Amino acid sequence: MNNGRCSIKRILVAVFALMWSATAQAQNAVPVTVDNFVRAESDRYFARFLQENGDQLGKFHHERDIASVDNQPVIRNNRDVLLSSAVLDLDAGAATITLPDPGKRFMSIL
């Protein structure tokens, strides 16, 4: 019976910790305005990319198929190209990206 009480205490501690964390995040939230929208939208895209790709900074994720009409990662996605994406932490140091020779194919990097 003591183990049941211990488990309930652990669950309650975890619930209170989550509630405190959510409250702290809400108190630190920055309202999105016209002046900071571009940064907020970029942060949202970066966060979603990292969540979908295992929080891997500095590692490229390659889309091997054209994006479907009903599942596009960005607004007005270019649907006639294959995409690769990465989030790089430039505070950790400089980054160099070397592209392979595309032959007669088109290739660009943004």
PDB file of N, CA and C in Angstrom:
ATOM      1  N   MET A   1       0.825  -1.190   0.000  1.00  0.00           N
ATOM      2  CA  MET A   1       0.000   0.000   0.000  1.00  0.00           C
ATOM      3  C   MET A   1       0.868   1.252   0.000  1.00  0.00           C
ATOM      4  N   ASN A   2       2.014   1.176   0.629  1.00  0.00           N
ATOM      5  CA  ASN A   2       2.929   2.312   0.675  1.00  0.00           C
ATOM      6  C   ASN A   2       3.427   2.667  -0.726  1.00  0.00           C
ATOM      7  N   ASN A   3       3.633   1.647  -1.584  1.00  0.00           N
ATOM      8  CA  ASN A   3       4.074   1.907  -2.956  1.00  0.00           C
ATOM      9  C   ASN A   3       3.029   2.682  -3.743  1.00  0.00           C
ATOM     10  N   GLY A   4       1.743   2.405  -3.498  1.00  0.00           N
ATOM     11  CA  GLY A   4       0.668   3.137  -4.162  1.00  0.00           C
ATOM     12  C   GLY A   4       0.687   4.606  -3.779  1.00  0.00           C
ATOM     13  N   ARG A   5       0.893   4.883  -2.501  1.00  0.00           N
ATOM     14  CA  ARG A   5       0.961   6.281  -2.043  1.00  0.00           C
ATOM     15  C   ARG A   5       2.168   6.988  -2.628  1.00  0.00           C
ATOM     16  N   CYS A   6       3.273   6.275  -2.710  1.00  0.00           N
ATOM     17  CA  CYS A   6       4.501   6.861  -3.280  1.00  0.00           C
ATOM     18  C   CYS A   6       4.282   7.201  -4.750  1.00  0.00           C
ATOM     19  N   SER A   7       3.613   6.308  -5.477  1.00  0.00           N
ATOM     20  CA  SER A   7       3.343   6.562  -6.896  1.00  0.00           C
ATOM     21  C   SER A   7       2.424   7.755  -7.081  1.00  0.00           C
ATOM     22  N   ILE A   8       1.403   7.860  -6.222  1.00  0.00           N
ATOM     23  CA  ILE A   8       0.489   8.994  -6.309  1.00  0.00           C
ATOM     24  C   ILE A   8       1.233  10.292  -6.023  1.00  0.00           C
ATOM     25  N   LYS A   9       2.120  10.270  -5.025  1.00  0.00           N
ATOM     26  CA  LYS A   9       2.917  11.467  -4.717  1.00  0.00           C
ATOM     27  C   LYS A   9       3.779  11.858  -5.911  1.00  0.00           C
ATOM     28  N   ARG A  10       4.389  10.889  -6.555  1.00  0.00           N
ATOM     29  CA  ARG A  10       5.234  11.176  -7.726  1.00  0.00           C
ATOM     30  C   ARG A  10       4.405  11.782  -8.856  1.00  0.00           C
ATOM     31  N   ILE A  11       3.229  11.233  -9.064  1.00  0.00           N
ATOM     32  CA  ILE A  11       2.352  11.751 -10.117  1.00  0.00           C
ATOM     33  C   ILE A  11       1.943  13.182  -9.799  1.00  0.00           C
ATOM     34  N   LEU A  12       1.572  13.444  -8.546  1.00  0.00           N
ATOM     35  CA  LEU A  12       1.176  14.799  -8.154  1.00  0.00           C
ATOM     36  C   LEU A  12       2.330  15.782  -8.312  1.00  0.00           C
ATOM     37  N   VAL A  13       3.533  15.369  -7.923  1.00  0.00           N
ATOM     38  CA  VAL A  13       4.702  16.237  -8.093  1.00  0.00           C
ATOM     39  C   VAL A  13       4.918  16.536  -9.570  1.00  0.00           C
ATOM     40  N   ALA A  14       4.786  15.521 -10.423  1.00  0.00           N
ATOM     41  CA  ALA A  14       4.966  15.730 -11.863  1.00  0.00           C
ATOM     42  C   ALA A  14       3.905  16.671 -12.413  1.00  0.00           C
ATOM     43  N   VAL A  15       2.651  16.512 -11.972  1.00  0.00           N
ATOM     44  CA  VAL A  15       1.571  17.389 -12.440  1.00  0.00           C
ATOM     45  C   VAL A  15       1.836  18.830 -12.016  1.00  0.00           C
ATOM     46  N   PHE A  16       2.209  19.031 -10.752  1.00  0.00           N
ATOM     47  CA  PHE A  16       2.484  20.388 -10.279  1.00  0.00           C
ATOM     48  C   PHE A  16       3.683  21.000 -10.999  1.00  0.00           C
ATOM     49  N   ALA A  17       4.688  20.190 -11.291  1.00  0.00           N
ATOM     50  CA  ALA A  17       5.852  20.688 -12.027  1.00  0.00           C
ATOM     51  C   ALA A  17       5.448  21.136 -13.425  1.00  0.00           C
ATOM     52  N   LEU A  18       4.605  20.355 -14.091  1.00  0.00           N
ATOM     53  CA  LEU A  18       4.132  20.734 -15.424  1.00  0.00           C
ATOM     54  C   LEU A  18       3.297  22.008 -15.373  1.00  0.00           C
ATOM     55  N   MET A  19       2.437  22.115 -14.349  1.00  0.00           N
ATOM     56  CA  MET A  19       1.611  23.314 -14.219  1.00  0.00           C
ATOM     57  C   MET A  19       2.489  24.541 -13.976  1.00  0.00           C
ATOM     58  N   TRP A  20       3.498  24.406 -13.133  1.00  0.00           N
ATOM     59  CA  TRP A  20       4.403  25.515 -12.853  1.00  0.00           C
ATOM     60  C   TRP A  20       5.163  25.909 -14.113  1.00  0.00           C
ATOM     61  N   SER A  21       5.630  24.912 -14.866  1.00  0.00           N
ATOM     62  CA  SER A  21       6.375  25.180 -16.093  1.00  0.00           C
ATOM     63  C   SER A  21       5.502  25.919 -17.106  1.00  0.00           C
ATOM     64  N   ALA A  22       4.261  25.468 -17.280  1.00  0.00           N
ATOM     65  CA  ALA A  22       3.357  26.132 -18.225  1.00  0.00           C
ATOM     66  C   ALA A  22       3.067  27.557 -17.790  1.00  0.00           C
ATOM     67  N   THR A  23       2.887  27.772 -16.486  1.00  0.00           N
ATOM     68  CA  THR A  23       2.632  29.121 -15.968  1.00  0.00           C
ATOM     69  C   THR A  23       3.843  30.015 -16.190  1.00  0.00           C
ATOM     70  N   ALA A  24       5.031  29.485 -15.919  1.00  0.00           N
ATOM     71  CA  ALA A  24       6.258  30.272 -16.115  1.00  0.00           C
ATOM     72  C   ALA A  24       6.429  30.632 -17.581  1.00  0.00           C
ATOM     73  N   GLN A  25       6.141  29.697 -18.479  1.00  0.00           N
ATOM     74  CA  GLN A  25       6.259  29.989 -19.906  1.00  0.00           C
ATOM     75  C   GLN A  25       5.247  31.035 -20.323  1.00  0.00           C
ATOM     76  N   ALA A  26       4.030  30.953 -19.822  1.00  0.00           N
ATOM     77  CA  ALA A  26       3.002  31.925 -20.169  1.00  0.00           C
ATOM     78  C   ALA A  26       3.383  33.313 -19.669  1.00  0.00           C
ATOM     79  N   GLN A  27       3.997  33.400 -18.492  1.00  0.00           N
ATOM     80  CA  GLN A  27       4.404  34.688 -17.955  1.00  0.00           C
ATOM     81  C   GLN A  27       5.559  35.288 -18.756  1.00  0.00           C
ATOM     82  N   ASN A  28       6.388  34.436 -19.365  1.00  0.00           N
ATOM     83  CA  ASN A  28       7.522  34.905 -20.159  1.00  0.00           C
ATOM     84  C   ASN A  28       7.175  35.059 -21.636  1.00  0.00           C
ATOM     85  N   ALA A  29       5.938  34.781 -22.005  1.00  0.00           N
ATOM     86  CA  ALA A  29       5.516  34.854 -23.401  1.00  0.00           C
ATOM     87  C   ALA A  29       5.599  36.293 -23.906  1.00  0.00           C
ATOM     88  N   VAL A  30       6.029  36.430 -25.142  1.00  0.00           N
ATOM     89  CA  VAL A  30       6.126  37.740 -25.787  1.00  0.00           C
ATOM     90  C   VAL A  30       4.998  37.832 -26.809  1.00  0.00           C
ATOM     91  N   PRO A  31       4.141  38.840 -26.706  1.00  0.00           N
ATOM     92  CA  PRO A  31       3.060  38.976 -27.688  1.00  0.00           C
ATOM     93  C   PRO A  31       3.634  39.205 -29.091  1.00  0.00           C
ATOM     94  N   VAL A  32       3.026  38.584 -30.092  1.00  0.00           N
ATOM     95  CA  VAL A  32       3.465  38.772 -31.476  1.00  0.00           C
ATOM     96  C   VAL A  32       2.803  40.033 -32.014  1.00  0.00           C
ATOM     97  N   THR A  33       3.640  40.913 -32.572  1.00  0.00           N
ATOM     98  CA  THR A  33       3.163  42.173 -33.137  1.00  0.00           C
ATOM     99  C   THR A  33       3.661  42.288 -34.572  1.00  0.00           C
ATOM    100  N   VAL A  34       3.281  43.354 -35.227  1.00  0.00           N
ATOM    101  CA  VAL A  34       3.768  43.616 -36.583  1.00  0.00           C
ATOM    102  C   VAL A  34       5.296  43.725 -36.580  1.00  0.00           C
ATOM    103  N   ASP A  35       5.854  44.281 -35.514  1.00  0.00           N
ATOM    104  CA  ASP A  35       7.302  44.501 -35.451  1.00  0.00           C
ATOM    105  C   ASP A  35       8.107  43.224 -35.249  1.00  0.00           C
ATOM    106  N   ASN A  36       7.537  42.213 -34.584  1.00  0.00           N
ATOM    107  CA  ASN A  36       8.319  41.001 -34.322  1.00  0.00           C
ATOM    108  C   ASN A  36       7.745  39.757 -35.010  1.00  0.00           C
ATOM    109  N   PHE A  37       6.794  39.944 -35.920  1.00  0.00           N
ATOM    110  CA  PHE A  37       6.148  38.805 -36.571  1.00  0.00           C
ATOM    111  C   PHE A  37       7.128  37.932 -37.335  1.00  0.00           C
ATOM    112  N   VAL A  38       8.035  38.530 -38.086  1.00  0.00           N
ATOM    113  CA  VAL A  38       8.976  37.745 -38.905  1.00  0.00           C
ATOM    114  C   VAL A  38       9.806  36.834 -38.009  1.00  0.00           C
ATOM    115  N   ARG A  39      10.294  37.363 -36.889  1.00  0.00           N
ATOM    116  CA  ARG A  39      11.087  36.549 -35.962  1.00  0.00           C
ATOM    117  C   ARG A  39      10.225  35.455 -35.338  1.00  0.00           C
ATOM    118  N   ALA A  40       9.011  35.793 -34.930  1.00  0.00           N
ATOM    119  CA  ALA A  40       8.120  34.808 -34.308  1.00  0.00           C
ATOM    120  C   ALA A  40       7.787  33.681 -35.291  1.00  0.00           C
ATOM    121  N   GLU A  41       7.516  34.021 -36.524  1.00  0.00           N
ATOM    122  CA  GLU A  41       7.189  33.005 -37.535  1.00  0.00           C
ATOM    123  C   GLU A  41       8.399  32.127 -37.825  1.00  0.00           C
ATOM    124  N   SER A  42       9.587  32.728 -37.903  1.00  0.00           N
ATOM    125  CA  SER A  42      10.814  31.939 -38.102  1.00  0.00           C
ATOM    126  C   SER A  42      11.030  30.986 -36.936  1.00  0.00           C
ATOM    127  N   ASP A  43      10.858  31.491 -35.709  1.00  0.00           N
ATOM    128  CA  ASP A  43      11.015  30.636 -34.533  1.00  0.00           C
ATOM    129  C   ASP A  43      10.030  29.471 -34.562  1.00  0.00           C
ATOM    130  N   ARG A  44       8.809  29.734 -35.004  1.00  0.00           N
ATOM    131  CA  ARG A  44       7.793  28.681 -35.077  1.00  0.00           C
ATOM    132  C   ARG A  44       8.191  27.603 -36.084  1.00  0.00           C
ATOM    133  N   TYR A  45       8.673  28.021 -37.253  1.00  0.00           N
ATOM    134  CA  TYR A  45       9.119  27.057 -38.268  1.00  0.00           C
ATOM    135  C   TYR A  45      10.318  26.253 -37.764  1.00  0.00           C
ATOM    136  N   PHE A  46      11.290  26.929 -37.142  1.00  0.00           N
ATOM    137  CA  PHE A  46      12.476  26.230 -36.630  1.00  0.00           C
ATOM    138  C   PHE A  46      12.064  25.208 -35.566  1.00  0.00           C
ATOM    139  N   ALA A  47      11.185  25.611 -34.646  1.00  0.00           N
ATOM    140  CA  ALA A  47      10.754  24.715 -33.572  1.00  0.00           C
ATOM    141  C   ALA A  47      10.035  23.498 -34.139  1.00  0.00           C
ATOM    142  N   ARG A  48       9.159  23.715 -35.120  1.00  0.00           N
ATOM    143  CA  ARG A  48       8.437  22.589 -35.727  1.00  0.00           C
ATOM    144  C   ARG A  48       9.407  21.653 -36.444  1.00  0.00           C
ATOM    145  N   PHE A  49      10.366  22.224 -37.176  1.00  0.00           N
ATOM    146  CA  PHE A  49      11.350  21.396 -37.873  1.00  0.00           C
ATOM    147  C   PHE A  49      12.119  20.536 -36.874  1.00  0.00           C
ATOM    148  N   LEU A  50      12.592  21.151 -35.787  1.00  0.00           N
ATOM    149  CA  LEU A  50      13.366  20.403 -34.800  1.00  0.00           C
ATOM    150  C   LEU A  50      12.510  19.331 -34.128  1.00  0.00           C
ATOM    151  N   GLN A  51      11.264  19.637 -33.826  1.00  0.00           N
ATOM    152  CA  GLN A  51      10.377  18.661 -33.201  1.00  0.00           C
ATOM    153  C   GLN A  51      10.146  17.472 -34.126  1.00  0.00           C
ATOM    154  N   GLU A  52       9.929  17.741 -35.401  1.00  0.00           N
ATOM    155  CA  GLU A  52       9.659  16.670 -36.364  1.00  0.00           C
ATOM    156  C   GLU A  52      10.902  15.859 -36.713  1.00  0.00           C
ATOM    157  N   ASN A  53      12.085  16.400 -36.454  1.00  0.00           N
ATOM    158  CA  ASN A  53      13.318  15.734 -36.857  1.00  0.00           C
ATOM    159  C   ASN A  53      14.234  15.422 -35.676  1.00  0.00           C
ATOM    160  N   GLY A  54      13.653  15.204 -34.520  1.00  0.00           N
ATOM    161  CA  GLY A  54      14.416  14.726 -33.377  1.00  0.00           C
ATOM    162  C   GLY A  54      15.348  15.737 -32.740  1.00  0.00           C
ATOM    163  N   ASP A  55      15.017  17.017 -32.787  1.00  0.00           N
ATOM    164  CA  ASP A  55      15.834  18.067 -32.156  1.00  0.00           C
ATOM    165  C   ASP A  55      17.303  17.987 -32.567  1.00  0.00           C
ATOM    166  N   GLN A  56      17.551  17.754 -33.831  1.00  0.00           N
ATOM    167  CA  GLN A  56      18.923  17.600 -34.312  1.00  0.00           C
ATOM    168  C   GLN A  56      19.400  18.885 -34.971  1.00  0.00           C
ATOM    169  N   LEU A  57      20.114  19.716 -34.199  1.00  0.00           N
ATOM    170  CA  LEU A  57      20.724  20.923 -34.760  1.00  0.00           C
ATOM    171  C   LEU A  57      21.872  20.524 -35.675  1.00  0.00           C
ATOM    172  N   GLY A  58      22.004  21.218 -36.779  1.00  0.00           N
ATOM    173  CA  GLY A  58      23.145  21.006 -37.661  1.00  0.00           C
ATOM    174  C   GLY A  58      23.067  19.773 -38.537  1.00  0.00           C
ATOM    175  N   LYS A  59      21.965  19.076 -38.531  1.00  0.00           N
ATOM    176  CA  LYS A  59      21.829  17.876 -39.356  1.00  0.00           C
ATOM    177  C   LYS A  59      20.755  18.120 -40.412  1.00  0.00           C
ATOM    178  N   PHE A  60      21.086  17.824 -41.655  1.00  0.00           N
ATOM    179  CA  PHE A  60      20.141  18.017 -42.748  1.00  0.00           C
ATOM    180  C   PHE A  60      19.092  16.921 -42.761  1.00  0.00           C
ATOM    181  N   HIS A  61      17.879  17.327 -43.103  1.00  0.00           N
ATOM    182  CA  HIS A  61      16.770  16.402 -43.337  1.00  0.00           C
ATOM    183  C   HIS A  61      16.407  16.540 -44.811  1.00  0.00           C
ATOM    184  N   HIS A  62      16.371  15.441 -45.526  1.00  0.00           N
ATOM    185  CA  HIS A  62      16.113  15.462 -46.968  1.00  0.00           C
ATOM    186  C   HIS A  62      14.723  14.907 -47.263  1.00  0.00           C
ATOM    187  N   GLU A  63      13.907  15.705 -47.940  1.00  0.00           N
ATOM    188  CA  GLU A  63      12.599  15.239 -48.407  1.00  0.00           C
ATOM    189  C   GLU A  63      12.833  14.482 -49.709  1.00  0.00           C
ATOM    190  N   ARG A  64      12.424  13.245 -49.751  1.00  0.00           N
ATOM    191  CA  ARG A  64      12.670  12.394 -50.921  1.00  0.00           C
ATOM    192  C   ARG A  64      11.499  12.379 -51.896  1.00  0.00           C
ATOM    193  N   ASP A  65      10.386  13.030 -51.487  1.00  0.00           N
ATOM    194  CA  ASP A  65       9.199  13.094 -52.338  1.00  0.00           C
ATOM    195  C   ASP A  65       8.734  14.542 -52.438  1.00  0.00           C
ATOM    196  N   ILE A  66       8.023  14.849 -53.504  1.00  0.00           N
ATOM    197  CA  ILE A  66       7.423  16.168 -53.680  1.00  0.00           C
ATOM    198  C   ILE A  66       6.328  16.344 -52.610  1.00  0.00           C
ATOM    199  N   ALA A  67       6.221  17.548 -52.051  1.00  0.00           N
ATOM    200  CA  ALA A  67       5.207  17.811 -51.021  1.00  0.00           C
ATOM    201  C   ALA A  67       3.806  17.663 -51.606  1.00  0.00           C
ATOM    202  N   SER A  68       2.927  17.000 -50.855  1.00  0.00           N
ATOM    203  CA  SER A  68       1.550  16.862 -51.317  1.00  0.00           C
ATOM    204  C   SER A  68       0.808  18.181 -51.113  1.00  0.00           C
ATOM    205  N   VAL A  69      -0.282  18.350 -51.805  1.00  0.00           N
ATOM    206  CA  VAL A  69      -1.068  19.575 -51.724  1.00  0.00           C
ATOM    207  C   VAL A  69      -1.594  19.799 -50.309  1.00  0.00           C
ATOM    208  N   ASP A  70      -1.994  18.730 -49.624  1.00  0.00           N
ATOM    209  CA  ASP A  70      -2.596  18.869 -48.299  1.00  0.00           C
ATOM    210  C   ASP A  70      -1.598  18.808 -47.150  1.00  0.00           C
ATOM    211  N   ASN A  71      -0.315  18.683 -47.432  1.00  0.00           N
ATOM    212  CA  ASN A  71       0.685  18.633 -46.370  1.00  0.00           C
ATOM    213  C   ASN A  71       1.946  19.378 -46.817  1.00  0.00           C
ATOM    214  N   GLN A  72       1.910  20.689 -46.734  1.00  0.00           N
ATOM    215  CA  GLN A  72       3.041  21.507 -47.155  1.00  0.00           C
ATOM    216  C   GLN A  72       3.681  22.154 -45.930  1.00  0.00           C
ATOM    217  N   PRO A  73       4.985  22.000 -45.768  1.00  0.00           N
ATOM    218  CA  PRO A  73       5.643  22.524 -44.572  1.00  0.00           C
ATOM    219  C   PRO A  73       5.700  24.048 -44.515  1.00  0.00           C
ATOM    220  N   VAL A  74       5.601  24.703 -45.643  1.00  0.00           N
ATOM    221  CA  VAL A  74       5.613  26.166 -45.679  1.00  0.00           C
ATOM    222  C   VAL A  74       4.470  26.643 -46.565  1.00  0.00           C
ATOM    223  N   ILE A  75       4.111  27.895 -46.414  1.00  0.00           N
ATOM    224  CA  ILE A  75       3.051  28.466 -47.239  1.00  0.00           C
ATOM    225  C   ILE A  75       3.539  28.530 -48.683  1.00  0.00           C
ATOM    226  N   ARG A  76       2.693  28.141 -49.601  1.00  0.00           N
ATOM    227  CA  ARG A  76       3.013  28.132 -51.036  1.00  0.00           C
ATOM    228  C   ARG A  76       4.329  27.396 -51.318  1.00  0.00           C
ATOM    229  N   ASN A  77       4.390  26.196 -50.852  1.00  0.00           N
ATOM    230  CA  ASN A  77       5.580  25.376 -51.054  1.00  0.00           C
ATOM    231  C   ASN A  77       5.819  25.139 -52.545  1.00  0.00           C
ATOM    232  N   ASN A  78       7.068  25.188 -52.971  1.00  0.00           N
ATOM    233  CA  ASN A  78       7.439  24.919 -54.348  1.00  0.00           C
ATOM    234  C   ASN A  78       7.313  23.412 -54.572  1.00  0.00           C
ATOM    235  N   ARG A  79       6.312  22.991 -55.314  1.00  0.00           N
ATOM    236  CA  ARG A  79       5.984  21.579 -55.428  1.00  0.00           C
ATOM    237  C   ARG A  79       6.673  20.865 -56.582  1.00  0.00           C
ATOM    238  N   ASP A  80       7.618  21.504 -57.243  1.00  0.00           N
ATOM    239  CA  ASP A  80       8.294  20.805 -58.334  1.00  0.00           C
ATOM    240  C   ASP A  80       9.776  20.583 -58.049  1.00  0.00           C
ATOM    241  N   VAL A  81      10.161  20.655 -56.779  1.00  0.00           N
ATOM    242  CA  VAL A  81      11.551  20.423 -56.399  1.00  0.00           C
ATOM    243  C   VAL A  81      11.599  19.560 -55.134  1.00  0.00           C
ATOM    244  N   LEU A  82      12.704  18.888 -54.947  1.00  0.00           N
ATOM    245  CA  LEU A  82      12.968  18.183 -53.693  1.00  0.00           C
ATOM    246  C   LEU A  82      13.697  19.137 -52.769  1.00  0.00           C
ATOM    247  N   LEU A  83      13.402  19.065 -51.472  1.00  0.00           N
ATOM    248  CA  LEU A  83      13.960  20.016 -50.518  1.00  0.00           C
ATOM    249  C   LEU A  83      14.797  19.324 -49.455  1.00  0.00           C
ATOM    250  N   SER A  84      15.809  20.039 -48.994  1.00  0.00           N
ATOM    251  CA  SER A  84      16.587  19.629 -47.830  1.00  0.00           C
ATOM    252  C   SER A  84      16.603  20.806 -46.874  1.00  0.00           C
ATOM    253  N   SER A  85      16.537  20.521 -45.579  1.00  0.00           N
ATOM    254  CA  SER A  85      16.481  21.584 -44.576  1.00  0.00           C
ATOM    255  C   SER A  85      17.373  21.237 -43.400  1.00  0.00           C
ATOM    256  N   ALA A  86      17.845  22.287 -42.711  1.00  0.00           N
ATOM    257  CA  ALA A  86      18.600  22.110 -41.471  1.00  0.00           C
ATOM    258  C   ALA A  86      18.480  23.390 -40.666  1.00  0.00           C
ATOM    259  N   VAL A  87      18.544  23.262 -39.354  1.00  0.00           N
ATOM    260  CA  VAL A  87      18.629  24.416 -38.469  1.00  0.00           C
ATOM    261  C   VAL A  87      20.042  24.398 -37.901  1.00  0.00           C
ATOM    262  N   LEU A  88      20.767  25.484 -38.129  1.00  0.00           N
ATOM    263  CA  LEU A  88      22.167  25.575 -37.712  1.00  0.00           C
ATOM    264  C   LEU A  88      22.318  26.574 -36.575  1.00  0.00           C
ATOM    265  N   ASP A  89      23.123  26.244 -35.575  1.00  0.00           N
ATOM    266  CA  ASP A  89      23.396  27.129 -34.448  1.00  0.00           C
ATOM    267  C   ASP A  89      24.684  27.886 -34.756  1.00  0.00           C
ATOM    268  N   LEU A  90      24.551  29.087 -35.299  1.00  0.00           N
ATOM    269  CA  LEU A  90      25.731  29.860 -35.684  1.00  0.00           C
ATOM    270  C   LEU A  90      26.442  30.473 -34.484  1.00  0.00           C
ATOM    271  N   ASP A  91      25.809  30.482 -33.304  1.00  0.00           N
ATOM    272  CA  ASP A  91      26.507  30.896 -32.086  1.00  0.00           C
ATOM    273  C   ASP A  91      27.561  29.871 -31.695  1.00  0.00           C
ATOM    274  N   ALA A  92      27.381  28.627 -32.110  1.00  0.00           N
ATOM    275  CA  ALA A  92      28.332  27.563 -31.798  1.00  0.00           C
ATOM    276  C   ALA A  92      29.568  27.623 -32.696  1.00  0.00           C
ATOM    277  N   GLY A  93      29.518  28.391 -33.774  1.00  0.00           N
ATOM    278  CA  GLY A  93      30.643  28.509 -34.693  1.00  0.00           C
ATOM    279  C   GLY A  93      30.158  28.677 -36.113  1.00  0.00           C
ATOM    280  N   ALA A  94      31.077  28.971 -36.981  1.00  0.00           N
ATOM    281  CA  ALA A  94      30.750  29.174 -38.392  1.00  0.00           C
ATOM    282  C   ALA A  94      30.313  27.855 -39.026  1.00  0.00           C
ATOM    283  N   ALA A  95      29.508  27.959 -40.058  1.00  0.00           N
ATOM    284  CA  ALA A  95      29.048  26.785 -40.787  1.00  0.00           C
ATOM    285  C   ALA A  95      29.434  26.928 -42.249  1.00  0.00           C
ATOM    286  N   THR A  96      29.912  25.852 -42.824  1.00  0.00           N
ATOM    287  CA  THR A  96      30.238  25.815 -44.246  1.00  0.00           C
ATOM    288  C   THR A  96      29.423  24.709 -44.880  1.00  0.00           C
ATOM    289  N   ILE A  97      28.725  25.049 -45.951  1.00  0.00           N
ATOM    290  CA  ILE A  97      27.927  24.063 -46.670  1.00  0.00           C
ATOM    291  C   ILE A  97      28.520  23.929 -48.061  1.00  0.00           C
ATOM    292  N   THR A  98      28.873  22.729 -48.423  1.00  0.00           N
ATOM    293  CA  THR A  98      29.450  22.456 -49.736  1.00  0.00           C
ATOM    294  C   THR A  98      28.428  21.691 -50.567  1.00  0.00           C
ATOM    295  N   LEU A  99      28.065  22.248 -51.700  1.00  0.00           N
ATOM    296  CA  LEU A  99      27.096  21.598 -52.576  1.00  0.00           C
ATOM    297  C   LEU A  99      27.810  20.709 -53.583  1.00  0.00           C
ATOM    298  N   PRO A 100      27.243  19.559 -53.896  1.00  0.00           N
ATOM    299  CA  PRO A 100      27.841  18.695 -54.923  1.00  0.00           C
ATOM    300  C   PRO A 100      27.635  19.304 -56.305  1.00  0.00           C
ATOM    301  N   ASP A 101      28.406  18.858 -57.254  1.00  0.00           N
ATOM    302  CA  ASP A 101      28.230  19.307 -58.638  1.00  0.00           C
ATOM    303  C   ASP A 101      26.870  18.810 -59.134  1.00  0.00           C
ATOM    304  N   PRO A 102      25.967  19.716 -59.526  1.00  0.00           N
ATOM    305  CA  PRO A 102      24.631  19.284 -59.943  1.00  0.00           C
ATOM    306  C   PRO A 102      24.569  18.784 -61.379  1.00  0.00           C
ATOM    307  N   GLY A 103      25.687  18.835 -62.084  1.00  0.00           N
ATOM    308  CA  GLY A 103      25.643  18.439 -63.487  1.00  0.00           C
ATOM    309  C   GLY A 103      24.802  19.435 -64.255  1.00  0.00           C
ATOM    310  N   LYS A 104      23.820  18.961 -65.006  1.00  0.00           N
ATOM    311  CA  LYS A 104      22.951  19.845 -65.771  1.00  0.00           C
ATOM    312  C   LYS A 104      21.658  20.180 -65.030  1.00  0.00           C
ATOM    313  N   ARG A 105      21.552  19.728 -63.781  1.00  0.00           N
ATOM    314  CA  ARG A 105      20.350  20.005 -62.990  1.00  0.00           C
ATOM    315  C   ARG A 105      20.485  21.335 -62.288  1.00  0.00           C
ATOM    316  N   PHE A 106      19.351  21.938 -61.910  1.00  0.00           N
ATOM    317  CA  PHE A 106      19.318  23.180 -61.164  1.00  0.00           C
ATOM    318  C   PHE A 106      19.464  22.870 -59.671  1.00  0.00           C
ATOM    319  N   MET A 107      20.266  23.690 -58.973  1.00  0.00           N
ATOM    320  CA  MET A 107      20.412  23.544 -57.529  1.00  0.00           C
ATOM    321  C   MET A 107      20.605  24.931 -56.945  1.00  0.00           C
ATOM    322  N   SER A 108      19.986  25.187 -55.809  1.00  0.00           N
ATOM    323  CA  SER A 108      20.186  26.474 -55.133  1.00  0.00           C
ATOM    324  C   SER A 108      20.196  26.251 -53.632  1.00  0.00           C
ATOM    325  N   ILE A 109      20.687  27.236 -52.892  1.00  0.00           N
ATOM    326  CA  ILE A 109      20.694  27.189 -51.444  1.00  0.00           C
ATOM    327  C   ILE A 109      20.303  28.579 -50.936  1.00  0.00           C
ATOM    328  N   LEU A 110      19.458  28.587 -49.923  1.00  0.00           N
ATOM    329  CA  LEU A 110      19.041  29.837 -49.288  1.00  0.00           C
ATOM    330  C   LEU A 110      19.525  29.866 -47.868  1.00  0.00           C
TER     331      LEU A 110
END
